[in-house]
PDB file of all heavy atoms in Angstrom:
ATOM      1  N   GLY A   1      14.892  -6.231 -64.226  1.00  0.00           N
ATOM      2  CA  GLY A   1      13.790  -5.365 -63.828  1.00  0.00           C
ATOM      3  C   GLY A   1      13.180  -5.800 -62.505  1.00  0.00           C
ATOM      4  O   GLY A   1      12.844  -4.974 -61.648  1.00  0.00           O
ATOM      5  N   ALA A   2      13.034  -7.111 -62.319  1.00  0.00           N
ATOM      6  CA  ALA A   2      12.461  -7.640 -61.072  1.00  0.00           C
ATOM      7  C   ALA A   2      13.375  -7.367 -59.882  1.00  0.00           C
ATOM      8  O   ALA A   2      12.906  -7.063 -58.784  1.00  0.00           O
ATOM      9  CB  ALA A   2      12.195  -9.139 -61.211  1.00  0.00           C
ATOM     10  N   VAL A   3      14.675  -7.452 -60.107  1.00  0.00           N
ATOM     11  CA  VAL A   3      15.643  -7.213 -59.033  1.00  0.00           C
ATOM     12  C   VAL A   3      15.610  -5.751 -58.596  1.00  0.00           C
ATOM     13  O   VAL A   3      15.715  -5.446 -57.409  1.00  0.00           O
ATOM     14  CB  VAL A   3      17.065  -7.633 -59.482  1.00  0.00           C
ATOM     15  CG1 VAL A   3      18.123  -7.116 -58.535  1.00  0.00           C
ATOM     16  CG2 VAL A   3      17.143  -9.143 -59.602  1.00  0.00           C
ATOM     17  N   THR A   4      15.433  -4.847 -59.542  1.00  0.00           N
ATOM     18  CA  THR A   4      15.461  -3.420 -59.214  1.00  0.00           C
ATOM     19  C   THR A   4      14.092  -2.865 -58.836  1.00  0.00           C
ATOM     20  O   THR A   4      14.004  -1.725 -58.395  1.00  0.00           O
ATOM     21  CB  THR A   4      16.032  -2.602 -60.390  1.00  0.00           C
ATOM     22  OG1 THR A   4      15.214  -2.799 -61.547  1.00  0.00           O
ATOM     23  CG2 THR A   4      17.468  -3.014 -60.692  1.00  0.00           C
ATOM     24  N   ASN A   5      13.037  -3.661 -58.978  1.00  0.00           N
ATOM     25  CA  ASN A   5      11.682  -3.197 -58.683  1.00  0.00           C
ATOM     26  C   ASN A   5      11.270  -3.686 -57.295  1.00  0.00           C
ATOM     27  O   ASN A   5      11.094  -4.884 -57.090  1.00  0.00           O
ATOM     28  CB  ASN A   5      10.718  -3.723 -59.745  1.00  0.00           C
ATOM     29  CG  ASN A   5       9.309  -3.194 -59.564  1.00  0.00           C
ATOM     30  OD1 ASN A   5       8.923  -2.742 -58.496  1.00  0.00           O
ATOM     31  ND2 ASN A   5       8.524  -3.279 -60.626  1.00  0.00           N
ATOM     32  N   PRO A   6      11.088  -2.784 -56.339  1.00  0.00           N
ATOM     33  CA  PRO A   6      10.725  -3.219 -54.988  1.00  0.00           C
ATOM     34  C   PRO A   6       9.353  -3.900 -54.919  1.00  0.00           C
ATOM     35  O   PRO A   6       9.040  -4.547 -53.925  1.00  0.00           O
ATOM     36  CB  PRO A   6      10.748  -1.923 -54.173  1.00  0.00           C
ATOM     37  CG  PRO A   6      10.611  -0.838 -55.170  1.00  0.00           C
ATOM     38  CD  PRO A   6      11.193  -1.340 -56.454  1.00  0.00           C
ATOM     39  N   ASN A   7       8.545  -3.756 -55.949  1.00  0.00           N
ATOM     40  CA  ASN A   7       7.234  -4.395 -55.966  1.00  0.00           C
ATOM     41  C   ASN A   7       7.285  -5.845 -56.446  1.00  0.00           C
ATOM     42  O   ASN A   7       6.262  -6.516 -56.480  1.00  0.00           O
ATOM     43  CB  ASN A   7       6.265  -3.604 -56.852  1.00  0.00           C
ATOM     44  CG  ASN A   7       6.014  -2.218 -56.297  1.00  0.00           C
ATOM     45  OD1 ASN A   7       5.878  -2.042 -55.087  1.00  0.00           O
ATOM     46  ND2 ASN A   7       5.981  -1.234 -57.161  1.00  0.00           N
ATOM     47  N   GLN A   8       8.477  -6.311 -56.860  1.00  0.00           N
ATOM     48  CA  GLN A   8       8.629  -7.688 -57.304  1.00  0.00           C
ATOM     49  C   GLN A   8       9.553  -8.427 -56.343  1.00  0.00           C
ATOM     50  O   GLN A   8      10.358  -7.820 -55.631  1.00  0.00           O
ATOM     51  CB  GLN A   8       9.170  -7.732 -58.735  1.00  0.00           C
ATOM     52  CG  GLN A   8       8.134  -7.239 -59.748  1.00  0.00           C
ATOM     53  CD  GLN A   8       8.643  -7.307 -61.171  1.00  0.00           C
ATOM     54  OE1 GLN A   8       9.645  -6.692 -61.498  1.00  0.00           O
ATOM     55  NE2 GLN A   8       7.933  -8.054 -62.004  1.00  0.00           N
ATOM     56  N   GLN A   9       9.456  -9.753 -56.344  1.00  0.00           N
ATOM     57  CA  GLN A   9      10.181 -10.559 -55.366  1.00  0.00           C
ATOM     58  C   GLN A   9      11.671 -10.684 -55.643  1.00  0.00           C
ATOM     59  O   GLN A   9      12.432 -11.044 -54.757  1.00  0.00           O
ATOM     60  CB  GLN A   9       9.565 -11.958 -55.279  1.00  0.00           C
ATOM     61  CG  GLN A   9       8.213 -11.953 -54.640  1.00  0.00           C
ATOM     62  CD  GLN A   9       7.681 -13.356 -54.422  1.00  0.00           C
ATOM     63  OE1 GLN A   9       8.380 -14.339 -54.574  1.00  0.00           O
ATOM     64  NE2 GLN A   9       6.414 -13.434 -54.052  1.00  0.00           N
ATOM     65  N   GLY A  10      12.107 -10.446 -56.855  1.00  0.00           N
ATOM     66  CA  GLY A  10      13.506 -10.633 -57.213  1.00  0.00           C
ATOM     67  C   GLY A  10      14.433  -9.767 -56.384  1.00  0.00           C
ATOM     68  O   GLY A  10      14.122  -8.628 -56.061  1.00  0.00           O
ATOM     69  N   SER A  11      15.591 -10.333 -56.041  1.00  0.00           N
ATOM     70  CA  SER A  11      16.589  -9.577 -55.294  1.00  0.00           C
ATOM     71  C   SER A  11      17.971 -10.100 -55.661  1.00  0.00           C
ATOM     72  O   SER A  11      18.111 -11.211 -56.179  1.00  0.00           O
ATOM     73  CB  SER A  11      16.370  -9.729 -53.781  1.00  0.00           C
ATOM     74  OG  SER A  11      16.679 -11.052 -53.383  1.00  0.00           O
ATOM     75  N   LEU A  12      18.983  -9.300 -55.363  1.00  0.00           N
ATOM     76  CA  LEU A  12      20.352  -9.751 -55.596  1.00  0.00           C
ATOM     77  C   LEU A  12      20.662 -10.978 -54.745  1.00  0.00           C
ATOM     78  O   LEU A  12      21.349 -11.893 -55.189  1.00  0.00           O
ATOM     79  CB  LEU A  12      21.337  -8.624 -55.286  1.00  0.00           C
ATOM     80  CG  LEU A  12      21.299  -7.422 -56.226  1.00  0.00           C
ATOM     81  CD1 LEU A  12      22.262  -6.341 -55.745  1.00  0.00           C
ATOM     82  CD2 LEU A  12      21.624  -7.837 -57.640  1.00  0.00           C
ATOM     83  N   GLY A  13      20.131 -11.016 -53.536  1.00  0.00           N
ATOM     84  CA  GLY A  13      20.339 -12.168 -52.667  1.00  0.00           C
ATOM     85  C   GLY A  13      19.745 -13.437 -53.257  1.00  0.00           C
ATOM     86  O   GLY A  13      20.359 -14.510 -53.197  1.00  0.00           O
ATOM     87  N   GLN A  14      18.560 -13.323 -53.828  1.00  0.00           N
ATOM     88  CA  GLN A  14      17.919 -14.477 -54.449  1.00  0.00           C
ATOM     89  C   GLN A  14      18.752 -14.978 -55.620  1.00  0.00           C
ATOM     90  O   GLN A  14      19.017 -16.175 -55.733  1.00  0.00           O
ATOM     91  CB  GLN A  14      16.508 -14.113 -54.926  1.00  0.00           C
ATOM     92  CG  GLN A  14      15.794 -15.257 -55.633  1.00  0.00           C
ATOM     93  CD  GLN A  14      14.494 -14.818 -56.284  1.00  0.00           C
ATOM     94  OE1 GLN A  14      14.290 -13.647 -56.584  1.00  0.00           O
ATOM     95  NE2 GLN A  14      13.612 -15.776 -56.521  1.00  0.00           N
ATOM     96  N   LEU A  15      19.181 -14.071 -56.484  1.00  0.00           N
ATOM     97  CA  LEU A  15      19.998 -14.481 -57.628  1.00  0.00           C
ATOM     98  C   LEU A  15      21.329 -15.071 -57.170  1.00  0.00           C
ATOM     99  O   LEU A  15      21.798 -16.065 -57.718  1.00  0.00           O
ATOM    100  CB  LEU A  15      20.233 -13.312 -58.579  1.00  0.00           C
ATOM    101  CG  LEU A  15      19.020 -12.843 -59.374  1.00  0.00           C
ATOM    102  CD1 LEU A  15      19.395 -11.649 -60.243  1.00  0.00           C
ATOM    103  CD2 LEU A  15      18.428 -13.955 -60.202  1.00  0.00           C
ATOM    104  N   GLY A  16      21.935 -14.470 -56.165  1.00  0.00           N
ATOM    105  CA  GLY A  16      23.196 -15.000 -55.636  1.00  0.00           C
ATOM    106  C   GLY A  16      23.016 -16.405 -55.076  1.00  0.00           C
ATOM    107  O   GLY A  16      23.864 -17.278 -55.281  1.00  0.00           O
ATOM    108  N   SER A  17      21.909 -16.625 -54.391  1.00  0.00           N
ATOM    109  CA  SER A  17      21.616 -17.940 -53.833  1.00  0.00           C
ATOM    110  C   SER A  17      21.420 -18.977 -54.938  1.00  0.00           C
ATOM    111  O   SER A  17      21.901 -20.104 -54.847  1.00  0.00           O
ATOM    112  CB  SER A  17      20.369 -17.849 -52.954  1.00  0.00           C
ATOM    113  OG  SER A  17      20.031 -19.106 -52.431  1.00  0.00           O
ATOM    114  N   ILE A  18      20.739 -18.588 -56.001  1.00  0.00           N
ATOM    115  CA  ILE A  18      20.523 -19.484 -57.140  1.00  0.00           C
ATOM    116  C   ILE A  18      21.858 -19.832 -57.790  1.00  0.00           C
ATOM    117  O   ILE A  18      22.154 -21.006 -58.047  1.00  0.00           O
ATOM    118  CB  ILE A  18      19.556 -18.849 -58.159  1.00  0.00           C
ATOM    119  CG1 ILE A  18      18.135 -18.785 -57.585  1.00  0.00           C
ATOM    120  CG2 ILE A  18      19.568 -19.617 -59.485  1.00  0.00           C
ATOM    121  CD1 ILE A  18      17.178 -17.933 -58.397  1.00  0.00           C
ATOM    122  N   ILE A  19      22.673 -18.826 -58.028  1.00  0.00           N
ATOM    123  CA  ILE A  19      23.974 -19.046 -58.677  1.00  0.00           C
ATOM    124  C   ILE A  19      24.863 -19.921 -57.800  1.00  0.00           C
ATOM    125  O   ILE A  19      25.527 -20.839 -58.287  1.00  0.00           O
ATOM    126  CB  ILE A  19      24.627 -17.693 -59.029  1.00  0.00           C
ATOM    127  CG1 ILE A  19      23.815 -17.013 -60.143  1.00  0.00           C
ATOM    128  CG2 ILE A  19      26.080 -17.884 -59.457  1.00  0.00           C
ATOM    129  CD1 ILE A  19      24.128 -15.542 -60.342  1.00  0.00           C
ATOM    130  N   SER A  20      24.860 -19.676 -56.482  1.00  0.00           N
ATOM    131  CA  SER A  20      25.653 -20.504 -55.560  1.00  0.00           C
ATOM    132  C   SER A  20      25.178 -21.947 -55.572  1.00  0.00           C
ATOM    133  O   SER A  20      25.994 -22.875 -55.527  1.00  0.00           O
ATOM    134  CB  SER A  20      25.562 -19.952 -54.139  1.00  0.00           C
ATOM    135  OG  SER A  20      26.191 -18.706 -54.062  1.00  0.00           O
ATOM    136  N   THR A  21      23.876 -22.153 -55.619  1.00  0.00           N
ATOM    137  CA  THR A  21      23.325 -23.508 -55.658  1.00  0.00           C
ATOM    138  C   THR A  21      23.768 -24.228 -56.922  1.00  0.00           C
ATOM    139  O   THR A  21      24.157 -25.401 -56.877  1.00  0.00           O
ATOM    140  CB  THR A  21      21.787 -23.466 -55.559  1.00  0.00           C
ATOM    141  OG1 THR A  21      21.422 -22.834 -54.333  1.00  0.00           O
ATOM    142  CG2 THR A  21      21.188 -24.863 -55.626  1.00  0.00           C
ATOM    143  N   VAL A  22      23.736 -23.524 -58.053  1.00  0.00           N
ATOM    144  CA  VAL A  22      24.167 -24.132 -59.311  1.00  0.00           C
ATOM    145  C   VAL A  22      25.659 -24.456 -59.256  1.00  0.00           C
ATOM    146  O   VAL A  22      26.084 -25.528 -59.703  1.00  0.00           O
ATOM    147  CB  VAL A  22      23.829 -23.219 -60.512  1.00  0.00           C
ATOM    148  CG1 VAL A  22      24.433 -23.748 -61.798  1.00  0.00           C
ATOM    149  CG2 VAL A  22      22.317 -23.088 -60.657  1.00  0.00           C
ATOM    150  N   ASP A  23      26.447 -23.573 -58.667  1.00  0.00           N
ATOM    151  CA  ASP A  23      27.887 -23.842 -58.516  1.00  0.00           C
ATOM    152  C   ASP A  23      28.128 -25.081 -57.645  1.00  0.00           C
ATOM    153  O   ASP A  23      28.953 -25.930 -57.979  1.00  0.00           O
ATOM    154  CB  ASP A  23      28.608 -22.635 -57.904  1.00  0.00           C
ATOM    155  CG  ASP A  23      28.757 -21.476 -58.869  1.00  0.00           C
ATOM    156  OD1 ASP A  23      28.575 -21.676 -60.091  1.00  0.00           O
ATOM    157  OD2 ASP A  23      29.045 -20.357 -58.396  1.00  0.00           O
ATOM    158  N   ARG A  24      27.398 -25.176 -56.527  1.00  0.00           N
ATOM    159  CA  ARG A  24      27.541 -26.344 -55.644  1.00  0.00           C
ATOM    160  C   ARG A  24      27.116 -27.617 -56.378  1.00  0.00           C
ATOM    161  O   ARG A  24      27.749 -28.661 -56.235  1.00  0.00           O
ATOM    162  CB  ARG A  24      26.709 -26.175 -54.376  1.00  0.00           C
ATOM    163  CG  ARG A  24      27.351 -25.298 -53.325  1.00  0.00           C
ATOM    164  CD  ARG A  24      26.665 -25.403 -51.979  1.00  0.00           C
ATOM    165  NE  ARG A  24      25.224 -25.231 -51.995  1.00  0.00           N
ATOM    166  CZ  ARG A  24      24.594 -24.063 -51.988  1.00  0.00           C
ATOM    167  NH1 ARG A  24      25.295 -22.941 -51.955  1.00  0.00           N
ATOM    168  NH2 ARG A  24      23.285 -24.002 -51.979  1.00  0.00           N
ATOM    169  N   LEU A  25      26.073 -27.518 -57.146  1.00  0.00           N
ATOM    170  CA  LEU A  25      25.588 -28.667 -57.917  1.00  0.00           C
ATOM    171  C   LEU A  25      26.641 -29.101 -58.927  1.00  0.00           C
ATOM    172  O   LEU A  25      26.911 -30.289 -59.087  1.00  0.00           O
ATOM    173  CB  LEU A  25      24.278 -28.311 -58.610  1.00  0.00           C
ATOM    174  CG  LEU A  25      23.503 -29.414 -59.290  1.00  0.00           C
ATOM    175  CD1 LEU A  25      23.202 -30.552 -58.341  1.00  0.00           C
ATOM    176  CD2 LEU A  25      22.206 -28.853 -59.854  1.00  0.00           C
ATOM    177  N   SER A  26      27.257 -28.143 -59.569  1.00  0.00           N
ATOM    178  CA  SER A  26      28.325 -28.434 -60.526  1.00  0.00           C
ATOM    179  C   SER A  26      29.483 -29.142 -59.821  1.00  0.00           C
ATOM    180  O   SER A  26      29.988 -30.156 -60.295  1.00  0.00           O
ATOM    181  CB  SER A  26      28.809 -27.139 -61.186  1.00  0.00           C
ATOM    182  OG  SER A  26      29.818 -27.393 -62.118  1.00  0.00           O
ATOM    183  N   ASN A  27      29.876 -28.627 -58.667  1.00  0.00           N
ATOM    184  CA  ASN A  27      30.980 -29.232 -57.908  1.00  0.00           C
ATOM    185  C   ASN A  27      30.632 -30.631 -57.407  1.00  0.00           C
ATOM    186  O   ASN A  27      31.462 -31.538 -57.468  1.00  0.00           O
ATOM    187  CB  ASN A  27      31.365 -28.341 -56.722  1.00  0.00           C
ATOM    188  CG  ASN A  27      32.025 -27.054 -57.160  1.00  0.00           C
ATOM    189  OD1 ASN A  27      32.600 -26.967 -58.232  1.00  0.00           O
ATOM    190  ND2 ASN A  27      31.914 -26.034 -56.322  1.00  0.00           N
ATOM    191  N   SER A  28      29.413 -30.806 -56.923  1.00  0.00           N
ATOM    192  CA  SER A  28      29.030 -32.110 -56.354  1.00  0.00           C
ATOM    193  C   SER A  28      28.887 -33.195 -57.417  1.00  0.00           C
ATOM    194  O   SER A  28      29.074 -34.374 -57.124  1.00  0.00           O
ATOM    195  CB  SER A  28      27.747 -31.991 -55.534  1.00  0.00           C
ATOM    196  OG  SER A  28      26.631 -31.794 -56.379  1.00  0.00           O
ATOM    197  N   THR A  29      28.560 -32.805 -58.640  1.00  0.00           N
ATOM    198  CA  THR A  29      28.404 -33.793 -59.711  1.00  0.00           C
ATOM    199  C   THR A  29      29.697 -33.989 -60.486  1.00  0.00           C
ATOM    200  O   THR A  29      29.810 -34.936 -61.265  1.00  0.00           O
ATOM    201  CB  THR A  29      27.312 -33.376 -60.708  1.00  0.00           C
ATOM    202  OG1 THR A  29      27.673 -32.125 -61.304  1.00  0.00           O
ATOM    203  CG2 THR A  29      25.952 -33.285 -60.038  1.00  0.00           C
ATOM    204  N   GLY A  30      30.642 -33.076 -60.296  1.00  0.00           N
ATOM    205  CA  GLY A  30      31.881 -33.146 -61.063  1.00  0.00           C
ATOM    206  C   GLY A  30      31.727 -32.616 -62.474  1.00  0.00           C
ATOM    207  O   GLY A  30      32.634 -32.746 -63.293  1.00  0.00           O
ATOM    208  N   ALA A  31      30.582 -32.017 -62.756  1.00  0.00           N
ATOM    209  CA  ALA A  31      30.329 -31.463 -64.093  1.00  0.00           C
ATOM    210  C   ALA A  31      30.919 -30.059 -64.172  1.00  0.00           C
ATOM    211  O   ALA A  31      30.814 -29.283 -63.225  1.00  0.00           O
ATOM    212  CB  ALA A  31      28.834 -31.412 -64.371  1.00  0.00           C
TER     213      ALA A  31
END
């Protein structure tokens, strides 16, 4: 709902950035 609502801060870019960060964290820790 936040991603699709222009009145809220959520965006596909924000979620993509979060997911990419978690992926990098997984790779850097070997987990």
